[in-house]
Amino acid sequence: MSRREFSKKVKRDAFVRAAGHCEGPGCGAKLSLGKFAYDHVNPDGLTGEPTLENCAVLCDPCHKEKTKNDVADIARAKRREDAHRGIRPPPQIKSAGFRPGSPRRRATTPIDKLKIGYRPHGRD
């Protein structure tokens, strides 16, 4: 299913209706050029039609928040629809994993340089 965008007429009418302010719940921020979006009230992925009644003019912060929630709602609806149709995700392969290896040992033990008469350069 392809995304259905709003027509120019619907966008014009929605902008006039908004009177230059965000239509997000409790927001009402003044809209700036290029800092707003026309959003489906009922998401396009959930049978939302591209009509004036389903169009909201939102400022960028409100649009981002609403889109985040819409994506989660659409994914949930698709999972329910798949379950209803008997479509299940592939089973997860569960293995015991790797066995822990034996403890590692060093090939040699560290040498204490003072025990073998280490002298820094320039000193006798």
N, C-alpha and C. Protein backbone atom coordinates (compact mmCIF):
# COMPACT_ATOMS: atom_id res chain seq x y z
N MET A 1 0.86 -1.18 0.00
CA MET A 1 0.00 0.00 0.00
C MET A 1 0.90 1.23 0.00
N SER A 2 0.63 2.16 -0.90
CA SER A 2 1.45 3.37 -0.98
C SER A 2 0.86 4.47 -0.09
N ARG A 3 1.74 5.35 0.29
CA ARG A 3 1.34 6.46 1.15
C ARG A 3 0.51 7.44 0.35
N ARG A 4 -0.57 7.94 0.95
CA ARG A 4 -1.44 8.90 0.30
C ARG A 4 -1.20 10.28 0.90
N GLU A 5 -0.68 11.19 0.10
CA GLU A 5 -0.36 12.54 0.55
C GLU A 5 -1.59 13.44 0.43
N PHE A 6 -1.56 14.55 1.16
CA PHE A 6 -2.63 15.53 1.09
C PHE A 6 -2.51 16.33 -0.20
N SER A 7 -3.64 16.70 -0.76
CA SER A 7 -3.63 17.54 -1.96
C SER A 7 -3.26 18.97 -1.56
N LYS A 8 -2.91 19.78 -2.56
CA LYS A 8 -2.57 21.18 -2.29
C LYS A 8 -3.76 21.92 -1.68
N LYS A 9 -4.95 21.63 -2.17
CA LYS A 9 -6.16 22.29 -1.64
C LYS A 9 -6.35 21.96 -0.16
N VAL A 10 -6.18 20.70 0.21
CA VAL A 10 -6.34 20.30 1.61
C VAL A 10 -5.28 21.00 2.47
N LYS A 11 -4.05 21.08 1.97
CA LYS A 11 -2.98 21.76 2.73
C LYS A 11 -3.29 23.24 2.91
N ARG A 12 -3.76 23.89 1.84
CA ARG A 12 -4.12 25.32 1.94
C ARG A 12 -5.23 25.53 2.97
N ASP A 13 -6.28 24.72 2.88
CA ASP A 13 -7.42 24.87 3.79
C ASP A 13 -7.00 24.58 5.24
N ALA A 14 -6.13 23.60 5.44
CA ALA A 14 -5.68 23.26 6.79
C ALA A 14 -4.83 24.40 7.37
N PHE A 15 -4.00 25.01 6.54
CA PHE A 15 -3.16 26.11 7.02
C PHE A 15 -4.01 27.32 7.40
N VAL A 16 -5.03 27.59 6.60
CA VAL A 16 -5.95 28.70 6.92
C VAL A 16 -6.68 28.40 8.23
N ARG A 17 -7.15 27.16 8.38
CA ARG A 17 -7.84 26.75 9.61
C ARG A 17 -6.94 26.91 10.83
N ALA A 18 -5.66 26.57 10.70
CA ALA A 18 -4.73 26.65 11.83
C ALA A 18 -4.38 28.08 12.19
N ALA A 19 -4.57 29.02 11.28
CA ALA A 19 -4.28 30.44 11.52
C ALA A 19 -2.85 30.67 11.97
N GLY A 20 -1.90 29.90 11.41
CA GLY A 20 -0.48 30.12 11.71
C GLY A 20 -0.01 29.55 13.02
N HIS A 21 -0.84 28.72 13.67
CA HIS A 21 -0.45 28.13 14.96
C HIS A 21 -0.55 26.60 14.88
N CYS A 22 0.26 25.94 15.70
CA CYS A 22 0.28 24.48 15.75
C CYS A 22 -1.06 23.95 16.28
N GLU A 23 -1.56 22.91 15.64
CA GLU A 23 -2.82 22.30 16.07
C GLU A 23 -2.60 21.11 16.99
N GLY A 24 -1.37 20.93 17.47
CA GLY A 24 -1.08 19.85 18.41
C GLY A 24 -1.82 20.08 19.72
N PRO A 25 -2.18 19.00 20.43
CA PRO A 25 -2.92 19.16 21.68
C PRO A 25 -2.11 19.94 22.71
N GLY A 26 -2.65 21.08 23.11
CA GLY A 26 -2.01 21.89 24.15
C GLY A 26 -0.78 22.65 23.70
N CYS A 27 -0.52 22.74 22.41
CA CYS A 27 0.71 23.40 21.94
C CYS A 27 0.42 24.85 21.53
N GLY A 28 -0.13 25.05 20.35
CA GLY A 28 -0.47 26.38 19.87
C GLY A 28 0.73 27.25 19.52
N ALA A 29 1.90 26.65 19.29
CA ALA A 29 3.10 27.42 18.95
C ALA A 29 2.92 28.08 17.59
N LYS A 30 3.55 29.24 17.42
CA LYS A 30 3.50 29.95 16.15
C LYS A 30 4.33 29.18 15.13
N LEU A 31 3.77 28.96 13.94
CA LEU A 31 4.44 28.18 12.91
C LEU A 31 5.41 29.06 12.12
N SER A 32 6.60 28.53 11.87
CA SER A 32 7.62 29.20 11.07
C SER A 32 7.73 28.51 9.73
N LEU A 33 8.15 29.25 8.72
CA LEU A 33 8.29 28.70 7.39
C LEU A 33 9.25 27.53 7.39
N GLY A 34 8.81 26.36 6.92
CA GLY A 34 9.63 25.16 6.85
C GLY A 34 9.78 24.43 8.16
N LYS A 35 9.14 24.90 9.22
CA LYS A 35 9.27 24.27 10.55
C LYS A 35 7.97 23.64 11.00
N PHE A 36 7.17 23.17 10.04
CA PHE A 36 5.90 22.51 10.38
C PHE A 36 5.62 21.42 9.37
N ALA A 37 4.63 20.58 9.67
CA ALA A 37 4.28 19.48 8.78
C ALA A 37 2.77 19.28 8.78
N TYR A 38 2.27 18.75 7.66
CA TYR A 38 0.87 18.37 7.56
C TYR A 38 0.81 16.89 7.92
N ASP A 39 0.07 16.58 8.97
CA ASP A 39 0.08 15.22 9.50
C ASP A 39 -1.32 14.61 9.47
N HIS A 40 -1.36 13.30 9.24
CA HIS A 40 -2.63 12.57 9.31
C HIS A 40 -3.02 12.40 10.79
N VAL A 41 -4.19 12.86 11.18
CA VAL A 41 -4.67 12.66 12.56
C VAL A 41 -4.80 11.16 12.81
N ASN A 42 -5.53 10.48 11.92
CA ASN A 42 -5.59 9.03 11.92
C ASN A 42 -4.53 8.60 10.91
N PRO A 43 -3.44 7.95 11.35
CA PRO A 43 -2.31 7.68 10.46
C PRO A 43 -2.70 6.98 9.16
N ASP A 44 -1.97 7.34 8.12
CA ASP A 44 -2.19 6.75 6.79
C ASP A 44 -2.04 5.24 6.85
N GLY A 45 -1.12 4.75 7.68
CA GLY A 45 -0.92 3.31 7.82
C GLY A 45 -2.05 2.60 8.56
N LEU A 46 -2.94 3.38 9.17
CA LEU A 46 -4.10 2.81 9.88
C LEU A 46 -5.40 3.30 9.24
N THR A 47 -5.49 3.25 7.94
CA THR A 47 -6.67 3.60 7.15
C THR A 47 -7.01 5.08 7.18
N GLY A 48 -6.07 5.96 7.49
CA GLY A 48 -6.33 7.39 7.48
C GLY A 48 -6.43 7.93 6.06
N GLU A 49 -7.48 8.66 5.79
CA GLU A 49 -7.72 9.23 4.46
C GLU A 49 -7.06 10.61 4.36
N PRO A 50 -6.64 11.02 3.17
CA PRO A 50 -6.03 12.34 2.99
C PRO A 50 -7.10 13.44 2.81
N THR A 51 -7.91 13.66 3.85
CA THR A 51 -8.98 14.65 3.80
C THR A 51 -8.66 15.78 4.77
N LEU A 52 -9.39 16.88 4.63
CA LEU A 52 -9.18 18.04 5.50
C LEU A 52 -9.48 17.69 6.96
N GLU A 53 -10.48 16.85 7.20
CA GLU A 53 -10.84 16.47 8.57
C GLU A 53 -9.73 15.63 9.21
N ASN A 54 -8.94 14.96 8.40
CA ASN A 54 -7.89 14.09 8.92
C ASN A 54 -6.52 14.76 8.84
N CYS A 55 -6.47 16.04 8.53
CA CYS A 55 -5.21 16.77 8.39
C CYS A 55 -5.01 17.70 9.58
N ALA A 56 -3.82 17.67 10.14
CA ALA A 56 -3.46 18.59 11.23
C ALA A 56 -2.14 19.26 10.87
N VAL A 57 -2.05 20.56 11.15
CA VAL A 57 -0.81 21.29 10.92
C VAL A 57 -0.07 21.30 12.26
N LEU A 58 1.11 20.66 12.28
CA LEU A 58 1.86 20.51 13.53
C LEU A 58 3.24 21.12 13.42
N CYS A 59 3.71 21.71 14.52
CA CYS A 59 5.10 22.18 14.57
C CYS A 59 6.01 20.95 14.61
N ASP A 60 7.30 21.15 14.31
CA ASP A 60 8.22 20.00 14.23
C ASP A 60 8.28 19.16 15.50
N PRO A 61 8.39 19.76 16.71
CA PRO A 61 8.44 18.91 17.91
C PRO A 61 7.17 18.07 18.10
N CYS A 62 6.00 18.67 17.85
CA CYS A 62 4.74 17.91 17.98
C CYS A 62 4.67 16.81 16.92
N HIS A 63 5.12 17.12 15.70
CA HIS A 63 5.08 16.13 14.62
C HIS A 63 5.99 14.95 14.92
N LYS A 64 7.18 15.22 15.43
CA LYS A 64 8.11 14.13 15.76
C LYS A 64 7.54 13.22 16.85
N GLU A 65 6.96 13.82 17.87
CA GLU A 65 6.38 13.04 18.96
C GLU A 65 5.20 12.19 18.47
N LYS A 66 4.32 12.81 17.68
CA LYS A 66 3.16 12.07 17.17
C LYS A 66 3.59 10.95 16.23
N THR A 67 4.58 11.21 15.38
CA THR A 67 5.06 10.20 14.44
C THR A 67 5.66 9.01 15.19
N LYS A 68 6.40 9.29 16.25
CA LYS A 68 6.99 8.21 17.06
C LYS A 68 5.88 7.31 17.61
N ASN A 69 4.83 7.90 18.11
CA ASN A 69 3.70 7.11 18.63
C ASN A 69 2.96 6.38 17.51
N ASP A 70 2.79 7.05 16.36
CA ASP A 70 2.09 6.43 15.22
C ASP A 70 2.83 5.19 14.72
N VAL A 71 4.15 5.27 14.63
CA VAL A 71 4.94 4.14 14.14
C VAL A 71 4.74 2.93 15.06
N ALA A 72 4.75 3.17 16.36
CA ALA A 72 4.53 2.08 17.32
C ALA A 72 3.12 1.50 17.17
N ASP A 73 2.13 2.36 17.01
CA ASP A 73 0.74 1.89 16.86
C ASP A 73 0.56 1.09 15.57
N ILE A 74 1.18 1.54 14.48
CA ILE A 74 1.06 0.83 13.20
C ILE A 74 1.72 -0.54 13.30
N ALA A 75 2.90 -0.60 13.92
CA ALA A 75 3.60 -1.89 14.07
C ALA A 75 2.76 -2.86 14.91
N ARG A 76 2.16 -2.35 15.97
CA ARG A 76 1.32 -3.19 16.83
C ARG A 76 0.12 -3.71 16.06
N ALA A 77 -0.50 -2.85 15.25
CA ALA A 77 -1.66 -3.26 14.46
C ALA A 77 -1.27 -4.33 13.44
N LYS A 78 -0.10 -4.18 12.83
CA LYS A 78 0.35 -5.18 11.85
C LYS A 78 0.63 -6.52 12.53
N ARG A 79 1.21 -6.49 13.73
CA ARG A 79 1.44 -7.75 14.45
C ARG A 79 0.13 -8.43 14.79
N ARG A 80 -0.86 -7.67 15.21
CA ARG A 80 -2.18 -8.25 15.52
C ARG A 80 -2.82 -8.84 14.26
N GLU A 81 -2.72 -8.10 13.16
CA GLU A 81 -3.29 -8.57 11.91
C GLU A 81 -2.61 -9.86 11.45
N ASP A 82 -1.29 -9.90 11.57
CA ASP A 82 -0.54 -11.11 11.20
C ASP A 82 -0.94 -12.29 12.08
N ALA A 83 -1.07 -12.06 13.37
CA ALA A 83 -1.47 -13.13 14.29
C ALA A 83 -2.87 -13.64 13.94
N HIS A 84 -3.75 -12.72 13.57
CA HIS A 84 -5.11 -13.11 13.19
C HIS A 84 -5.10 -13.99 11.95
N ARG A 85 -4.17 -13.73 11.05
CA ARG A 85 -4.06 -14.50 9.81
C ARG A 85 -3.20 -15.75 9.97
N GLY A 86 -2.69 -15.97 11.17
CA GLY A 86 -1.89 -17.16 11.43
C GLY A 86 -0.44 -17.02 11.01
N ILE A 87 0.01 -15.81 10.77
CA ILE A 87 1.40 -15.57 10.38
C ILE A 87 2.20 -15.36 11.66
N ARG A 88 3.17 -16.21 11.86
CA ARG A 88 3.98 -16.14 13.08
C ARG A 88 5.42 -15.82 12.69
N PRO A 89 6.15 -15.15 13.58
CA PRO A 89 7.56 -14.92 13.30
C PRO A 89 8.33 -16.24 13.37
N PRO A 90 9.46 -16.35 12.66
CA PRO A 90 10.21 -17.59 12.72
C PRO A 90 10.69 -17.84 14.15
N PRO A 91 10.77 -19.12 14.55
CA PRO A 91 11.18 -19.40 15.92
C PRO A 91 12.64 -18.99 16.15
N GLN A 92 12.89 -18.56 17.35
CA GLN A 92 14.25 -18.17 17.74
C GLN A 92 15.05 -19.43 18.03
N ILE A 93 16.27 -19.50 17.54
CA ILE A 93 17.14 -20.64 17.83
C ILE A 93 17.81 -20.36 19.16
N LYS A 94 17.62 -21.29 20.08
CA LYS A 94 18.20 -21.11 21.40
C LYS A 94 19.27 -22.18 21.59
N SER A 95 20.46 -21.73 21.83
CA SER A 95 21.56 -22.68 22.02
C SER A 95 22.14 -22.50 23.41
N ALA A 96 22.92 -23.48 23.81
CA ALA A 96 23.55 -23.41 25.12
C ALA A 96 24.70 -22.42 25.12
N GLY A 97 25.13 -22.01 23.94
CA GLY A 97 26.23 -21.07 23.87
C GLY A 97 27.57 -21.79 23.97
N PHE A 98 28.60 -21.03 24.08
CA PHE A 98 29.94 -21.61 24.17
C PHE A 98 30.25 -21.99 25.61
N ARG A 99 30.96 -23.10 25.76
CA ARG A 99 31.39 -23.49 27.11
C ARG A 99 32.52 -22.58 27.53
N PRO A 100 32.61 -22.30 28.80
CA PRO A 100 33.73 -21.47 29.24
C PRO A 100 35.04 -22.23 29.06
N GLY A 101 36.05 -21.56 28.57
CA GLY A 101 37.35 -22.18 28.36
C GLY A 101 38.12 -22.34 29.65
N SER A 102 39.19 -23.11 29.56
CA SER A 102 40.03 -23.27 30.75
C SER A 102 40.77 -21.95 31.00
N PRO A 103 41.15 -21.73 32.25
CA PRO A 103 41.83 -20.47 32.55
C PRO A 103 43.14 -20.37 31.77
N ARG A 104 43.45 -19.19 31.31
CA ARG A 104 44.67 -18.96 30.55
C ARG A 104 45.84 -18.78 31.50
N ARG A 105 46.98 -19.34 31.10
CA ARG A 105 48.20 -19.18 31.88
C ARG A 105 49.23 -18.48 31.02
N ARG A 106 50.12 -17.79 31.67
CA ARG A 106 51.20 -17.12 30.94
C ARG A 106 52.29 -18.13 30.60
N ALA A 107 52.96 -17.89 29.50
CA ALA A 107 54.03 -18.79 29.09
C ALA A 107 55.23 -18.68 30.04
N THR A 108 55.46 -17.52 30.54
CA THR A 108 56.57 -17.31 31.48
C THR A 108 56.07 -16.51 32.65
N THR A 109 56.80 -16.56 33.72
CA THR A 109 56.47 -15.74 34.86
C THR A 109 57.23 -14.42 34.75
N PRO A 110 56.69 -13.34 35.20
CA PRO A 110 57.38 -12.06 35.08
C PRO A 110 58.70 -12.08 35.88
N ILE A 111 59.67 -11.41 35.34
CA ILE A 111 60.98 -11.35 35.99
C ILE A 111 61.08 -10.02 36.70
N ASP A 112 61.46 -10.10 37.95
CA ASP A 112 61.68 -8.88 38.72
C ASP A 112 63.07 -8.37 38.34
N LYS A 113 63.13 -7.26 37.64
CA LYS A 113 64.39 -6.77 37.10
C LYS A 113 65.38 -6.41 38.20
N LEU A 114 64.92 -6.07 39.36
CA LEU A 114 65.85 -5.72 40.44
C LEU A 114 66.59 -6.95 40.96
N LYS A 115 66.00 -8.11 40.85
CA LYS A 115 66.65 -9.32 41.34
C LYS A 115 67.85 -9.72 40.48
N ILE A 116 67.84 -9.40 39.20
CA ILE A 116 68.93 -9.83 38.35
C ILE A 116 69.98 -8.73 38.16
N GLY A 117 69.97 -7.76 39.00
CA GLY A 117 70.97 -6.73 38.96
C GLY A 117 70.76 -5.71 37.84
N TYR A 118 69.57 -5.33 37.65
CA TYR A 118 69.27 -4.37 36.61
C TYR A 118 69.82 -3.02 37.01
N ARG A 119 70.54 -2.38 36.06
CA ARG A 119 71.03 -1.03 36.30
C ARG A 119 70.63 -0.15 35.13
N PRO A 120 70.02 0.98 35.42
CA PRO A 120 69.66 1.88 34.33
C PRO A 120 70.89 2.41 33.63
N HIS A 121 70.77 2.83 32.38
CA HIS A 121 71.88 3.36 31.60
C HIS A 121 72.45 4.61 32.28
N GLY A 122 73.75 4.77 32.17
CA GLY A 122 74.40 5.93 32.74
C GLY A 122 74.80 5.78 34.18
N ARG A 123 74.48 4.66 34.77
CA ARG A 123 74.85 4.43 36.17
C ARG A 123 75.71 3.18 36.26
N ASP A 124 76.67 3.20 37.10
CA ASP A 124 77.50 2.02 37.29
C ASP A 124 77.34 1.46 38.68
